[in-house]
Amino acid sequence: MQAEKIPFNLALGKMIVTKEGKRLGFVKDISFEIKSGELISLVVKDSTIYTKNLNLERSESNEPLIPYSAIIAIGDFVIVSEEDLI
């Protein structure tokens, strides 16, 4: 089964929530491996207090990063698995 492709600009600005409904922030940017095009993580802007308490990797500008492996779905929201963040 191949994942549906979502254009980069449609993912930007979407709210990131856990499957339990906890808000994490909004998609600011997407990091990827240049050679392969493999997605690595989402850069979070306007992160919530809940997000700040998670032990997430940080970007060079100290913004939380959500690993691609934690993403469950992208639609009206970006839904992530909280278990894959911890």
N, C-alpha and C. Protein backbone atom coordinates (compact mmCIF):
# COMPACT_ATOMS: atom_id res chain seq x y z
N MET A 1 0.84 -1.19 0.00
CA MET A 1 0.00 0.00 0.00
C MET A 1 0.88 1.24 0.00
N GLN A 2 0.66 2.13 -0.93
CA GLN A 2 1.45 3.34 -1.03
C GLN A 2 0.71 4.49 -0.36
N ALA A 3 1.46 5.29 0.41
CA ALA A 3 0.86 6.43 1.10
C ALA A 3 0.48 7.50 0.10
N GLU A 4 -0.63 8.19 0.38
CA GLU A 4 -1.07 9.29 -0.46
C GLU A 4 -0.09 10.44 -0.31
N LYS A 5 0.29 11.05 -1.42
CA LYS A 5 1.22 12.17 -1.37
C LYS A 5 0.47 13.46 -1.09
N ILE A 6 1.03 14.28 -0.19
CA ILE A 6 0.43 15.56 0.18
C ILE A 6 1.44 16.65 -0.19
N PRO A 7 1.05 17.63 -0.98
CA PRO A 7 1.98 18.72 -1.30
C PRO A 7 2.45 19.44 -0.04
N PHE A 8 3.71 19.82 -0.06
CA PHE A 8 4.36 20.49 1.06
C PHE A 8 3.54 21.66 1.58
N ASN A 9 3.07 22.52 0.67
CA ASN A 9 2.36 23.73 1.10
C ASN A 9 1.01 23.43 1.76
N LEU A 10 0.44 22.25 1.51
CA LEU A 10 -0.82 21.90 2.17
C LEU A 10 -0.60 21.42 3.60
N ALA A 11 0.61 20.97 3.92
CA ALA A 11 0.91 20.53 5.28
C ALA A 11 1.29 21.70 6.18
N LEU A 12 1.87 22.75 5.60
CA LEU A 12 2.30 23.90 6.39
C LEU A 12 1.12 24.57 7.08
N GLY A 13 1.31 24.89 8.34
CA GLY A 13 0.28 25.60 9.10
C GLY A 13 -0.78 24.71 9.72
N LYS A 14 -0.78 23.41 9.39
CA LYS A 14 -1.79 22.52 9.98
C LYS A 14 -1.50 22.29 11.46
N MET A 15 -2.56 22.17 12.23
CA MET A 15 -2.41 21.88 13.65
C MET A 15 -1.95 20.43 13.82
N ILE A 16 -1.03 20.22 14.76
CA ILE A 16 -0.54 18.88 15.08
C ILE A 16 -1.21 18.44 16.38
N VAL A 17 -1.88 17.29 16.33
CA VAL A 17 -2.55 16.75 17.52
C VAL A 17 -2.19 15.28 17.67
N THR A 18 -2.25 14.81 18.91
CA THR A 18 -2.06 13.38 19.14
C THR A 18 -3.37 12.68 18.84
N LYS A 19 -3.33 11.38 18.68
CA LYS A 19 -4.58 10.64 18.41
C LYS A 19 -5.53 10.70 19.59
N GLU A 20 -4.99 11.09 20.77
CA GLU A 20 -5.83 11.28 21.96
C GLU A 20 -6.43 12.69 22.00
N GLY A 21 -6.04 13.56 21.05
CA GLY A 21 -6.61 14.89 20.98
C GLY A 21 -5.80 15.99 21.63
N LYS A 22 -4.59 15.70 22.11
CA LYS A 22 -3.75 16.74 22.72
C LYS A 22 -3.09 17.57 21.63
N ARG A 23 -3.18 18.88 21.77
CA ARG A 23 -2.60 19.79 20.79
C ARG A 23 -1.11 19.96 21.05
N LEU A 24 -0.32 19.91 19.97
CA LEU A 24 1.12 20.04 20.09
C LEU A 24 1.65 21.34 19.49
N GLY A 25 0.95 21.90 18.52
CA GLY A 25 1.39 23.12 17.85
C GLY A 25 0.99 23.05 16.39
N PHE A 26 1.74 23.76 15.54
CA PHE A 26 1.45 23.83 14.11
C PHE A 26 2.69 23.48 13.30
N VAL A 27 2.49 22.98 12.09
CA VAL A 27 3.61 22.64 11.21
C VAL A 27 4.24 23.92 10.68
N LYS A 28 5.51 24.13 11.02
CA LYS A 28 6.25 25.28 10.53
C LYS A 28 7.04 24.92 9.28
N ASP A 29 7.63 23.72 9.30
CA ASP A 29 8.50 23.28 8.21
C ASP A 29 8.59 21.77 8.26
N ILE A 30 9.18 21.21 7.22
CA ILE A 30 9.40 19.78 7.14
C ILE A 30 10.87 19.56 6.81
N SER A 31 11.53 18.69 7.57
CA SER A 31 12.92 18.38 7.25
C SER A 31 12.98 17.03 6.55
N PHE A 32 13.89 16.91 5.59
CA PHE A 32 14.01 15.68 4.82
C PHE A 32 15.45 15.48 4.39
N GLU A 33 15.76 14.23 4.05
CA GLU A 33 17.08 13.87 3.54
C GLU A 33 17.15 14.31 2.09
N ILE A 34 18.12 15.14 1.76
CA ILE A 34 18.21 15.73 0.43
C ILE A 34 18.42 14.67 -0.66
N LYS A 35 19.32 13.74 -0.42
CA LYS A 35 19.65 12.75 -1.47
C LYS A 35 18.49 11.81 -1.77
N SER A 36 17.83 11.31 -0.74
CA SER A 36 16.77 10.32 -0.95
C SER A 36 15.37 10.93 -0.99
N GLY A 37 15.22 12.13 -0.42
CA GLY A 37 13.90 12.75 -0.33
C GLY A 37 13.08 12.21 0.82
N GLU A 38 13.69 11.36 1.64
CA GLU A 38 12.99 10.76 2.78
C GLU A 38 12.67 11.82 3.82
N LEU A 39 11.40 11.83 4.28
CA LEU A 39 10.99 12.77 5.33
C LEU A 39 11.61 12.36 6.65
N ILE A 40 12.11 13.34 7.40
CA ILE A 40 12.73 13.07 8.69
C ILE A 40 11.84 13.53 9.82
N SER A 41 11.38 14.78 9.77
CA SER A 41 10.58 15.30 10.87
C SER A 41 9.80 16.54 10.47
N LEU A 42 8.84 16.89 11.34
CA LEU A 42 8.10 18.14 11.21
C LEU A 42 8.65 19.11 12.23
N VAL A 43 8.84 20.35 11.83
CA VAL A 43 9.26 21.41 12.74
C VAL A 43 7.99 22.05 13.28
N VAL A 44 7.90 22.18 14.61
CA VAL A 44 6.69 22.68 15.26
C VAL A 44 6.85 24.15 15.62
N LYS A 45 5.82 24.95 15.26
CA LYS A 45 5.79 26.35 15.72
C LYS A 45 4.63 26.49 16.68
N ASP A 46 4.71 27.52 17.50
CA ASP A 46 3.66 27.78 18.49
C ASP A 46 3.37 26.54 19.33
N SER A 47 4.44 25.88 19.80
CA SER A 47 4.26 24.65 20.57
C SER A 47 3.55 24.95 21.89
N THR A 48 2.77 23.98 22.33
CA THR A 48 2.01 24.12 23.57
C THR A 48 2.89 23.76 24.77
N ILE A 49 2.39 24.04 25.95
CA ILE A 49 3.11 23.67 27.18
C ILE A 49 3.30 22.17 27.23
N TYR A 50 2.29 21.41 26.79
CA TYR A 50 2.40 19.96 26.76
C TYR A 50 3.58 19.52 25.89
N THR A 51 3.73 20.14 24.73
CA THR A 51 4.82 19.81 23.82
C THR A 51 6.16 20.14 24.45
N LYS A 52 6.23 21.26 25.12
CA LYS A 52 7.49 21.68 25.74
C LYS A 52 7.93 20.71 26.83
N ASN A 53 6.98 19.98 27.43
CA ASN A 53 7.31 19.01 28.48
C ASN A 53 7.73 17.66 27.92
N LEU A 54 7.51 17.43 26.62
CA LEU A 54 7.97 16.19 26.01
C LEU A 54 9.46 16.29 25.74
N ASN A 55 10.13 15.18 25.75
CA ASN A 55 11.57 15.16 25.51
C ASN A 55 11.82 14.97 24.01
N LEU A 56 11.46 15.99 23.21
CA LEU A 56 11.61 15.91 21.76
C LEU A 56 12.96 16.47 21.33
N GLU A 57 13.44 15.94 20.21
CA GLU A 57 14.63 16.50 19.59
C GLU A 57 14.30 17.94 19.18
N ARG A 58 15.29 18.80 19.11
CA ARG A 58 15.08 20.22 18.78
C ARG A 58 15.85 20.61 17.54
N SER A 59 15.33 21.58 16.81
CA SER A 59 16.01 22.12 15.64
C SER A 59 17.12 23.05 16.09
N GLU A 60 17.90 23.55 15.14
CA GLU A 60 18.98 24.48 15.47
C GLU A 60 18.44 25.75 16.12
N SER A 61 17.20 26.10 15.79
CA SER A 61 16.58 27.29 16.38
C SER A 61 15.72 26.93 17.61
N ASN A 62 15.96 25.74 18.17
CA ASN A 62 15.34 25.27 19.41
C ASN A 62 13.84 25.00 19.29
N GLU A 63 13.36 24.67 18.11
CA GLU A 63 11.95 24.32 17.92
C GLU A 63 11.81 22.80 18.00
N PRO A 64 10.73 22.32 18.61
CA PRO A 64 10.53 20.88 18.72
C PRO A 64 10.39 20.23 17.34
N LEU A 65 10.88 18.99 17.24
CA LEU A 65 10.78 18.21 16.01
C LEU A 65 9.94 16.97 16.27
N ILE A 66 8.95 16.73 15.43
CA ILE A 66 8.13 15.54 15.51
C ILE A 66 8.67 14.55 14.48
N PRO A 67 9.13 13.38 14.91
CA PRO A 67 9.69 12.42 13.95
C PRO A 67 8.62 11.92 12.97
N TYR A 68 9.04 11.72 11.72
CA TYR A 68 8.12 11.26 10.69
C TYR A 68 7.45 9.94 11.10
N SER A 69 8.18 9.10 11.79
CA SER A 69 7.65 7.79 12.19
C SER A 69 6.45 7.90 13.13
N ALA A 70 6.26 9.05 13.76
CA ALA A 70 5.14 9.25 14.69
C ALA A 70 3.87 9.72 13.97
N ILE A 71 3.97 10.12 12.71
CA ILE A 71 2.81 10.63 11.98
C ILE A 71 1.89 9.48 11.59
N ILE A 72 0.62 9.63 11.96
CA ILE A 72 -0.40 8.63 11.62
C ILE A 72 -1.14 9.05 10.35
N ALA A 73 -1.54 10.32 10.29
CA ALA A 73 -2.32 10.80 9.15
C ALA A 73 -2.17 12.31 9.01
N ILE A 74 -2.37 12.77 7.77
CA ILE A 74 -2.40 14.20 7.49
C ILE A 74 -3.69 14.48 6.73
N GLY A 75 -4.53 15.30 7.33
CA GLY A 75 -5.80 15.69 6.71
C GLY A 75 -6.06 17.12 7.13
N ASP A 76 -7.17 17.35 7.81
CA ASP A 76 -7.44 18.67 8.36
C ASP A 76 -6.43 19.00 9.45
N PHE A 77 -5.94 17.95 10.12
CA PHE A 77 -4.91 18.05 11.16
C PHE A 77 -3.80 17.07 10.82
N VAL A 78 -2.64 17.25 11.45
CA VAL A 78 -1.61 16.23 11.41
C VAL A 78 -1.77 15.43 12.70
N ILE A 79 -2.06 14.15 12.56
CA ILE A 79 -2.29 13.32 13.73
C ILE A 79 -1.06 12.46 13.96
N VAL A 80 -0.58 12.49 15.21
CA VAL A 80 0.62 11.73 15.55
C VAL A 80 0.33 10.77 16.71
N SER A 81 1.16 9.76 16.80
CA SER A 81 1.07 8.79 17.87
C SER A 81 1.93 9.27 19.04
N GLU A 82 1.29 9.53 20.16
CA GLU A 82 2.01 10.01 21.34
C GLU A 82 3.02 8.96 21.83
N GLU A 83 2.70 7.69 21.67
CA GLU A 83 3.61 6.63 22.09
C GLU A 83 4.94 6.69 21.35
N ASP A 84 4.89 7.13 20.09
CA ASP A 84 6.12 7.23 19.28
C ASP A 84 6.91 8.49 19.58
N LEU A 85 6.37 9.39 20.40
CA LEU A 85 7.07 10.62 20.76
C LEU A 85 7.86 10.45 22.05
N ILE A 86 7.45 9.51 22.87
CA ILE A 86 8.05 9.34 24.20
C ILE A 86 9.19 8.34 24.16
